[in-house]
Protein backbone atom coordinates (compact mmCIF):
# COMPACT_ATOMS: atom_id res chain seq x y z
CA UNK A 1 -44.75 -18.66 -8.82
CA UNK A 2 -42.69 -17.10 -11.63
CA UNK A 3 -41.27 -13.62 -10.93
CA UNK A 4 -42.71 -10.95 -13.12
CA UNK A 5 -40.27 -8.95 -15.30
CA UNK A 6 -41.29 -5.32 -15.77
CA UNK A 7 -42.30 -4.29 -19.25
CA UNK A 8 -39.84 -1.90 -20.91
CA UNK A 9 -41.64 1.12 -22.23
CA UNK A 10 -40.36 4.54 -23.31
CA UNK A 11 -40.41 5.76 -19.73
CA UNK A 12 -38.54 2.65 -18.59
CA UNK A 13 -35.65 3.57 -20.86
CA UNK A 14 -35.09 6.71 -18.82
CA UNK A 15 -34.48 4.67 -15.67
CA UNK A 16 -33.91 1.01 -16.52
CA UNK A 17 -34.37 -1.68 -13.92
CA UNK A 18 -30.99 -2.96 -12.83
CA UNK A 19 -30.91 -6.40 -11.32
CA UNK A 20 -28.23 -7.53 -8.89
CA UNK A 21 -26.99 -4.08 -7.97
CA UNK A 22 -28.13 -4.08 -4.38
CA UNK A 23 -24.94 -5.06 -2.60
CA UNK A 24 -24.16 -4.12 0.95
CA UNK A 25 -21.59 -1.35 1.23
CA UNK A 26 -18.73 -2.21 3.51
CA UNK A 27 -15.98 0.24 4.38
CA UNK A 28 -15.18 3.43 2.54
CA UNK A 29 -15.89 4.03 -1.10
CA UNK A 30 -13.77 5.60 -3.81
CA UNK A 31 -15.09 9.11 -3.15
CA UNK A 32 -14.15 8.96 0.52
CA UNK A 33 -10.75 7.55 -0.43
CA UNK A 34 -10.13 10.42 -2.83
CA UNK A 35 -11.19 12.96 -0.22
CA UNK A 36 -8.90 11.34 2.35
CA UNK A 37 -5.92 11.31 -0.01
CA UNK A 38 -6.54 14.94 -1.03
CA UNK A 39 -6.64 16.02 2.62
CA UNK A 40 -3.54 13.92 3.36
CA UNK A 41 -1.76 15.52 0.39
CA UNK A 42 -2.64 18.99 1.63
CA UNK A 43 -1.39 18.09 5.10
CA UNK A 44 1.81 16.69 3.64
CA UNK A 45 2.35 19.84 1.59
CA UNK A 46 1.88 22.08 4.63
CA UNK A 47 4.13 19.90 6.81
CA UNK A 48 6.84 19.68 4.17
CA UNK A 49 6.81 23.46 3.73
CA UNK A 50 7.53 23.79 7.44
CA UNK A 51 10.09 20.98 7.72
CA UNK A 52 11.94 20.66 4.40
CA UNK A 53 13.95 22.98 2.23
CA UNK A 54 11.91 24.90 -0.34
CA UNK A 55 13.54 22.94 -3.18
CA UNK A 56 12.34 19.61 -1.75
CA UNK A 57 8.66 20.42 -1.18
CA UNK A 58 7.20 19.90 -4.65
CA UNK A 59 9.26 16.78 -5.51
CA UNK A 60 8.21 15.15 -2.23
CA UNK A 61 4.54 15.98 -2.75
CA UNK A 62 4.64 14.74 -6.35
CA UNK A 63 6.32 11.50 -5.30
CA UNK A 64 3.78 10.88 -2.54
CA UNK A 65 0.84 11.48 -4.88
CA UNK A 66 2.31 9.06 -7.43
CA UNK A 67 2.90 6.48 -4.68
CA UNK A 68 -0.69 6.90 -3.48
CA UNK A 69 -1.88 6.46 -7.06
CA UNK A 70 0.05 3.19 -7.26
CA UNK A 71 -1.51 1.94 -4.02
CA UNK A 72 -5.02 2.88 -5.15
CA UNK A 73 -4.29 1.26 -8.53
CA UNK A 74 -3.50 -2.01 -6.75
CA UNK A 75 -6.74 -1.66 -4.76
CA UNK A 76 -8.64 -1.10 -8.01
CA UNK A 77 -7.01 -4.15 -9.55
CA UNK A 78 -7.88 -6.31 -6.55
CA UNK A 79 -11.50 -5.06 -6.47
CA UNK A 80 -12.10 -5.90 -10.11
CA UNK A 81 -14.82 -4.29 -12.17
CA UNK A 82 -17.05 -1.80 -10.47
CA UNK A 83 -20.10 0.20 -11.44
CA UNK A 84 -19.11 2.36 -14.40
CA UNK A 85 -21.87 4.87 -13.62
CA UNK A 86 -20.16 5.99 -10.40
CA UNK A 87 -16.67 6.98 -9.34
CA UNK A 88 -14.43 3.90 -9.18
CA UNK A 89 -11.07 3.19 -7.58
CA UNK A 90 -9.56 3.29 -11.06
CA UNK A 91 -10.86 6.85 -11.45
CA UNK A 92 -9.29 7.81 -8.13
CA UNK A 93 -5.96 6.24 -9.15
CA UNK A 94 -6.06 8.18 -12.41
CA UNK A 95 -6.86 11.46 -10.67
CA UNK A 96 -4.02 10.96 -8.18
CA UNK A 97 -1.65 10.14 -11.06
CA UNK A 98 -2.70 13.31 -12.84
CA UNK A 99 -2.15 15.39 -9.69
CA UNK A 100 1.28 13.81 -9.14
CA UNK A 101 2.38 14.34 -12.75
CA UNK A 102 1.18 17.95 -12.79
CA UNK A 103 3.07 18.60 -9.57
CA UNK A 104 6.19 16.93 -10.99
CA UNK A 105 5.92 19.04 -14.15
CA UNK A 106 6.25 22.21 -12.10
CA UNK A 107 9.66 21.21 -10.71
CA UNK A 108 12.42 23.33 -12.22
CA UNK A 109 15.46 21.34 -13.43
CA UNK A 110 17.78 23.74 -11.59
CA UNK A 111 15.76 23.09 -8.46
CA UNK A 112 16.46 19.35 -8.76
CA UNK A 113 20.17 20.02 -9.36
CA UNK A 114 20.31 22.12 -6.18
CA UNK A 115 18.42 19.42 -4.28
CA UNK A 116 20.71 16.60 -5.42
CA UNK A 117 23.90 18.63 -5.09
CA UNK A 118 22.89 19.80 -1.62
CA UNK A 119 23.69 16.39 -0.16
CA UNK A 120 27.28 16.38 -1.54
CA UNK A 121 28.69 19.44 0.22
């Protein structure tokens, strides 16, 4: 018996039939990964405020977000192409990069000088 292909009408254009998209989901998806990294970044920020000097907090948080973006970028590269209609690992890597760069942009140059010179006393 030959499988029947649905006829494409005007109403079918609104929700097209997508073949081969029913894969089993294993592990966490990109959305859960982004939520986990955002919570981890918040925890890191709160811990670094309590443990580090005030000049070191923002550079550390920015560096960690950029490092997380690099790790997620490698995951995205290893996973290959994903569904462009949903959030992908590449999107998460881009969002983490944006967060890290925005945090790094708020660092005052004098703050970095004090941070670097603080270790030479």
